[in-house]
PDB file of N, CA and C in Angstrom:
ATOM      1  N   MET A   1       7.554 -16.640 -24.485  1.00  0.00           N
ATOM      2  CA  MET A   1       6.115 -16.473 -24.409  1.00  0.00           C
ATOM      3  C   MET A   1       5.678 -15.531 -25.528  1.00  0.00           C
ATOM      4  N   PRO A   2       4.604 -15.882 -26.217  1.00  0.00           N
ATOM      5  CA  PRO A   2       4.149 -15.004 -27.300  1.00  0.00           C
ATOM      6  C   PRO A   2       3.664 -13.665 -26.750  1.00  0.00           C
ATOM      7  N   GLU A   3       3.756 -12.655 -27.586  1.00  0.00           N
ATOM      8  CA  GLU A   3       3.306 -11.326 -27.178  1.00  0.00           C
ATOM      9  C   GLU A   3       1.783 -11.303 -27.086  1.00  0.00           C
ATOM     10  N   LEU A   4       1.288 -10.836 -25.967  1.00  0.00           N
ATOM     11  CA  LEU A   4      -0.156 -10.742 -25.756  1.00  0.00           C
ATOM     12  C   LEU A   4      -0.639  -9.346 -26.099  1.00  0.00           C
ATOM     13  N   THR A   5      -1.827  -9.282 -26.626  1.00  0.00           N
ATOM     14  CA  THR A   5      -2.455  -7.995 -26.909  1.00  0.00           C
ATOM     15  C   THR A   5      -3.409  -7.649 -25.767  1.00  0.00           C
ATOM     16  N   ILE A   6      -3.905  -6.442 -25.791  1.00  0.00           N
ATOM     17  CA  ILE A   6      -4.910  -6.045 -24.797  1.00  0.00           C
ATOM     18  C   ILE A   6      -6.139  -6.943 -24.920  1.00  0.00           C
ATOM     19  N   ALA A   7      -6.526  -7.258 -26.143  1.00  0.00           N
ATOM     20  CA  ALA A   7      -7.684  -8.126 -26.357  1.00  0.00           C
ATOM     21  C   ALA A   7      -7.445  -9.511 -25.760  1.00  0.00           C
ATOM     22  N   ASP A   8      -6.223 -10.024 -25.912  1.00  0.00           N
ATOM     23  CA  ASP A   8      -5.898 -11.328 -25.315  1.00  0.00           C
ATOM     24  C   ASP A   8      -6.032 -11.279 -23.799  1.00  0.00           C
ATOM     25  N   ALA A   9      -5.510 -10.222 -23.192  1.00  0.00           N
ATOM     26  CA  ALA A   9      -5.582 -10.081 -21.733  1.00  0.00           C
ATOM     27  C   ALA A   9      -7.031  -9.965 -21.268  1.00  0.00           C
ATOM     28  N   LEU A  10      -7.850  -9.236 -22.016  1.00  0.00           N
ATOM     29  CA  LEU A  10      -9.264  -9.123 -21.661  1.00  0.00           C
ATOM     30  C   LEU A  10      -9.971 -10.474 -21.766  1.00  0.00           C
ATOM     31  N   ARG A  11      -9.660 -11.237 -22.816  1.00  0.00           N
ATOM     32  CA  ARG A  11     -10.271 -12.564 -22.962  1.00  0.00           C
ATOM     33  C   ARG A  11      -9.899 -13.464 -21.783  1.00  0.00           C
ATOM     34  N   LEU A  12      -8.630 -13.412 -21.370  1.00  0.00           N
ATOM     35  CA  LEU A  12      -8.190 -14.220 -20.222  1.00  0.00           C
ATOM     36  C   LEU A  12      -8.923 -13.799 -18.945  1.00  0.00           C
ATOM     37  N   ALA A  13      -9.068 -12.500 -18.749  1.00  0.00           N
ATOM     38  CA  ALA A  13      -9.768 -12.003 -17.562  1.00  0.00           C
ATOM     39  C   ALA A  13     -11.245 -12.405 -17.590  1.00  0.00           C
ATOM     40  N   ILE A  14     -11.862 -12.293 -18.751  1.00  0.00           N
ATOM     41  CA  ILE A  14     -13.274 -12.685 -18.897  1.00  0.00           C
ATOM     42  C   ILE A  14     -13.438 -14.166 -18.569  1.00  0.00           C
ATOM     43  N   ASN A  15     -12.563 -14.989 -19.124  1.00  0.00           N
ATOM     44  CA  ASN A  15     -12.652 -16.429 -18.864  1.00  0.00           C
ATOM     45  C   ASN A  15     -12.447 -16.753 -17.391  1.00  0.00           C
ATOM     46  N   ALA A  16     -11.487 -16.073 -16.753  1.00  0.00           N
ATOM     47  CA  ALA A  16     -11.237 -16.313 -15.331  1.00  0.00           C
ATOM     48  C   ALA A  16     -12.451 -15.918 -14.492  1.00  0.00           C
ATOM     49  N   LEU A  17     -13.045 -14.766 -14.792  1.00  0.00           N
ATOM     50  CA  LEU A  17     -14.229 -14.329 -14.049  1.00  0.00           C
ATOM     51  C   LEU A  17     -15.401 -15.278 -14.248  1.00  0.00           C
ATOM     52  N   ARG A  18     -15.591 -15.746 -15.471  1.00  0.00           N
ATOM     53  CA  ARG A  18     -16.697 -16.677 -15.733  1.00  0.00           C
ATOM     54  C   ARG A  18     -16.465 -18.020 -15.047  1.00  0.00           C
ATOM     55  N   ASP A  19     -15.223 -18.485 -15.044  1.00  0.00           N
ATOM     56  CA  ASP A  19     -14.909 -19.740 -14.347  1.00  0.00           C
ATOM     57  C   ASP A  19     -15.237 -19.634 -12.862  1.00  0.00           C
ATOM     58  N   VAL A  20     -14.859 -18.508 -12.261  1.00  0.00           N
ATOM     59  CA  VAL A  20     -15.141 -18.289 -10.839  1.00  0.00           C
ATOM     60  C   VAL A  20     -16.648 -18.227 -10.609  1.00  0.00           C
ATOM     61  N   ALA A  21     -17.359 -17.505 -11.459  1.00  0.00           N
ATOM     62  CA  ALA A  21     -18.809 -17.367 -11.299  1.00  0.00           C
ATOM     63  C   ALA A  21     -19.508 -18.723 -11.432  1.00  0.00           C
ATOM     64  N   GLU A  22     -19.090 -19.519 -12.407  1.00  0.00           N
ATOM     65  CA  GLU A  22     -19.744 -20.811 -12.636  1.00  0.00           C
ATOM     66  C   GLU A  22     -19.431 -21.832 -11.548  1.00  0.00           C
ATOM     67  N   SER A  23     -18.177 -21.834 -11.087  1.00  0.00           N
ATOM     68  CA  SER A  23     -17.789 -22.816 -10.061  1.00  0.00           C
ATOM     69  C   SER A  23     -18.151 -22.362  -8.652  1.00  0.00           C
ATOM     70  N   ARG A  24     -18.419 -21.050  -8.516  1.00  0.00           N
ATOM     71  CA  ARG A  24     -18.683 -20.438  -7.218  1.00  0.00           C
ATOM     72  C   ARG A  24     -17.524 -20.641  -6.246  1.00  0.00           C
ATOM     73  N   LYS A  25     -16.304 -20.669  -6.825  1.00  0.00           N
ATOM     74  CA  LYS A  25     -15.081 -20.804  -6.028  1.00  0.00           C
ATOM     75  C   LYS A  25     -13.992 -19.926  -6.626  1.00  0.00           C
ATOM     76  N   MET A  26     -13.253 -19.250  -5.730  1.00  0.00           N
ATOM     77  CA  MET A  26     -12.082 -18.515  -6.161  1.00  0.00           C
ATOM     78  C   MET A  26     -10.981 -19.524  -6.479  1.00  0.00           C
ATOM     79  N   PRO A  27      -9.979 -19.127  -7.244  1.00  0.00           N
ATOM     80  CA  PRO A  27      -8.882 -20.060  -7.528  1.00  0.00           C
ATOM     81  C   PRO A  27      -8.214 -20.593  -6.259  1.00  0.00           C
ATOM     82  N   SER A  28      -8.264 -19.824  -5.193  1.00  0.00           N
ATOM     83  CA  SER A  28      -7.677 -20.257  -3.916  1.00  0.00           C
ATOM     84  C   SER A  28      -8.528 -21.303  -3.213  1.00  0.00           C
ATOM     85  N   GLY A  29      -9.750 -21.521  -3.727  1.00  0.00           N
ATOM     86  CA  GLY A  29     -10.640 -22.501  -3.127  1.00  0.00           C
ATOM     87  C   GLY A  29     -11.723 -21.911  -2.237  1.00  0.00           C
ATOM     88  N   VAL A  30     -11.674 -20.607  -2.021  1.00  0.00           N
ATOM     89  CA  VAL A  30     -12.673 -19.941  -1.186  1.00  0.00           C
ATOM     90  C   VAL A  30     -14.027 -19.997  -1.892  1.00  0.00           C
ATOM     91  N   GLU A  31     -15.045 -20.464  -1.185  1.00  0.00           N
ATOM     92  CA  GLU A  31     -16.403 -20.558  -1.732  1.00  0.00           C
ATOM     93  C   GLU A  31     -17.038 -19.164  -1.821  1.00  0.00           C
ATOM     94  N   LEU A  32     -17.823 -18.948  -2.859  1.00  0.00           N
ATOM     95  CA  LEU A  32     -18.523 -17.676  -3.042  1.00  0.00           C
ATOM     96  C   LEU A  32     -20.012 -17.842  -2.797  1.00  0.00           C
ATOM     97  N   ASP A  33     -20.620 -16.808  -2.222  1.00  0.00           N
ATOM     98  CA  ASP A  33     -22.074 -16.829  -2.099  1.00  0.00           C
ATOM     99  C   ASP A  33     -22.678 -16.422  -3.442  1.00  0.00           C
ATOM    100  N   ASP A  34     -23.985 -16.524  -3.552  1.00  0.00           N
ATOM    101  CA  ASP A  34     -24.660 -16.240  -4.828  1.00  0.00           C
ATOM    102  C   ASP A  34     -24.420 -14.811  -5.309  1.00  0.00           C
ATOM    103  N   ALA A  35     -24.475 -13.850  -4.396  1.00  0.00           N
ATOM    104  CA  ALA A  35     -24.315 -12.442  -4.783  1.00  0.00           C
ATOM    105  C   ALA A  35     -22.912 -12.183  -5.326  1.00  0.00           C
ATOM    106  N   THR A  36     -21.908 -12.759  -4.699  1.00  0.00           N
ATOM    107  CA  THR A  36     -20.534 -12.551  -5.150  1.00  0.00           C
ATOM    108  C   THR A  36     -20.278 -13.255  -6.479  1.00  0.00           C
ATOM    109  N   ALA A  37     -20.845 -14.433  -6.654  1.00  0.00           N
ATOM    110  CA  ALA A  37     -20.712 -15.141  -7.928  1.00  0.00           C
ATOM    111  C   ALA A  37     -21.378 -14.336  -9.044  1.00  0.00           C
ATOM    112  N   GLU A  38     -22.542 -13.770  -8.753  1.00  0.00           N
ATOM    113  CA  GLU A  38     -23.243 -12.946  -9.749  1.00  0.00           C
ATOM    114  C   GLU A  38     -22.437 -11.694 -10.080  1.00  0.00           C
ATOM    115  N   LEU A  39     -21.780 -11.119  -9.093  1.00  0.00           N
ATOM    116  CA  LEU A  39     -20.930  -9.947  -9.322  1.00  0.00           C
ATOM    117  C   LEU A  39     -19.796 -10.292 -10.285  1.00  0.00           C
ATOM    118  N   HIS A  40     -19.197 -11.465 -10.123  1.00  0.00           N
ATOM    119  CA  HIS A  40     -18.139 -11.902 -11.034  1.00  0.00           C
ATOM    120  C   HIS A  40     -18.689 -12.109 -12.450  1.00  0.00           C
ATOM    121  N   ALA A  41     -19.877 -12.665 -12.559  1.00  0.00           N
ATOM    122  CA  ALA A  41     -20.496 -12.859 -13.872  1.00  0.00           C
ATOM    123  C   ALA A  41     -20.790 -11.506 -14.527  1.00  0.00           C
ATOM    124  N   SER A  42     -21.260 -10.567 -13.747  1.00  0.00           N
ATOM    125  CA  SER A  42     -21.541  -9.224 -14.278  1.00  0.00           C
ATOM    126  C   SER A  42     -20.259  -8.534 -14.732  1.00  0.00           C
ATOM    127  N   ALA A  43     -19.203  -8.688 -13.961  1.00  0.00           N
ATOM    128  CA  ALA A  43     -17.913  -8.104 -14.342  1.00  0.00           C
ATOM    129  C   ALA A  43     -17.426  -8.699 -15.662  1.00  0.00           C
ATOM    130  N   ALA A  44     -17.618 -10.002 -15.843  1.00  0.00           N
ATOM    131  CA  ALA A  44     -17.231 -10.644 -17.102  1.00  0.00           C
ATOM    132  C   ALA A  44     -18.024 -10.063 -18.260  1.00  0.00           C
ATOM    133  N   ASP A  45     -19.307  -9.810 -18.044  1.00  0.00           N
ATOM    134  CA  ASP A  45     -20.141  -9.219 -19.100  1.00  0.00           C
ATOM    135  C   ASP A  45     -19.673  -7.809 -19.461  1.00  0.00           C
ATOM    136  N   VAL A  46     -19.295  -7.022 -18.448  1.00  0.00           N
ATOM    137  CA  VAL A  46     -18.809  -5.662 -18.697  1.00  0.00           C
ATOM    138  C   VAL A  46     -17.512  -5.711 -19.501  1.00  0.00           C
ATOM    139  N   LEU A  47     -16.605  -6.596 -19.111  1.00  0.00           N
ATOM    140  CA  LEU A  47     -15.351  -6.726 -19.851  1.00  0.00           C
ATOM    141  C   LEU A  47     -15.589  -7.225 -21.268  1.00  0.00           C
ATOM    142  N   ASP A  48     -16.560  -8.105 -21.430  1.00  0.00           N
ATOM    143  CA  ASP A  48     -16.886  -8.603 -22.765  1.00  0.00           C
ATOM    144  C   ASP A  48     -17.358  -7.449 -23.652  1.00  0.00           C
ATOM    145  N   GLY A  49     -18.140  -6.542 -23.086  1.00  0.00           N
ATOM    146  CA  GLY A  49     -18.565  -5.360 -23.824  1.00  0.00           C
ATOM    147  C   GLY A  49     -17.388  -4.472 -24.184  1.00  0.00           C
ATOM    148  N   SER A  50     -16.435  -4.348 -23.281  1.00  0.00           N
ATOM    149  CA  SER A  50     -15.231  -3.571 -23.568  1.00  0.00           C
ATOM    150  C   SER A  50     -14.429  -4.203 -24.688  1.00  0.00           C
ATOM    151  N   LEU A  51     -14.377  -5.522 -24.687  1.00  0.00           N
ATOM    152  CA  LEU A  51     -13.657  -6.228 -25.739  1.00  0.00           C
ATOM    153  C   LEU A  51     -14.305  -5.972 -27.093  1.00  0.00           C
ATOM    154  N   GLU A  52     -15.632  -5.972 -27.129  1.00  0.00           N
ATOM    155  CA  GLU A  52     -16.342  -5.701 -28.389  1.00  0.00           C
ATOM    156  C   GLU A  52     -16.011  -4.294 -28.897  1.00  0.00           C
ATOM    157  N   GLN A  53     -15.919  -3.336 -27.984  1.00  0.00           N
ATOM    158  CA  GLN A  53     -15.601  -1.956 -28.379  1.00  0.00           C
ATOM    159  C   GLN A  53     -14.158  -1.840 -28.851  1.00  0.00           C
ATOM    160  N   LEU A  54     -13.285  -2.676 -28.319  1.00  0.00           N
ATOM    161  CA  LEU A  54     -11.870  -2.632 -28.668  1.00  0.00           C
ATOM    162  C   LEU A  54     -11.615  -3.184 -30.069  1.00  0.00           C
ATOM    163  N   ARG A  55     -12.436  -4.113 -30.519  1.00  0.00           N
ATOM    164  CA  ARG A  55     -12.221  -4.721 -31.831  1.00  0.00           C
ATOM    165  C   ARG A  55     -12.158  -3.649 -32.906  1.00  0.00           C
ATOM    166  N   GLY A  56     -11.163  -3.763 -33.730  1.00  0.00           N
ATOM    167  CA  GLY A  56     -10.963  -2.785 -34.775  1.00  0.00           C
ATOM    168  C   GLY A  56     -10.074  -1.632 -34.379  1.00  0.00           C
ATOM    169  N   HIS A  57      -9.718  -1.541 -33.100  1.00  0.00           N
ATOM    170  CA  HIS A  57      -8.871  -0.458 -32.619  1.00  0.00           C
ATOM    171  C   HIS A  57      -7.481  -0.943 -32.274  1.00  0.00           C
ATOM    172  N   GLU A  58      -7.217  -2.229 -32.476  1.00  0.00           N
ATOM    173  CA  GLU A  58      -5.888  -2.752 -32.172  1.00  0.00           C
ATOM    174  C   GLU A  58      -5.032  -2.730 -33.411  1.00  0.00           C
TER     175      GLU A  58
END
C-alpha cells in the first residue's frame, strides 16, 4: 500500500463525510435525519478548512 500523508487521510475523511451527508445514510445503512446529515456536511467543511491550512506544511 502506498504511503499516505496527513493530507491524503484528511481528503479521505472529507469524502466519507460528504458521501454520508449526501446519501443521508451511514456506511452501515443506518438512515440519518436532516440535522445529523447537516452535521456531517459541516464536519466535512471544517476538515476541508484544515486541509487548506495544512497545504505547504507537509
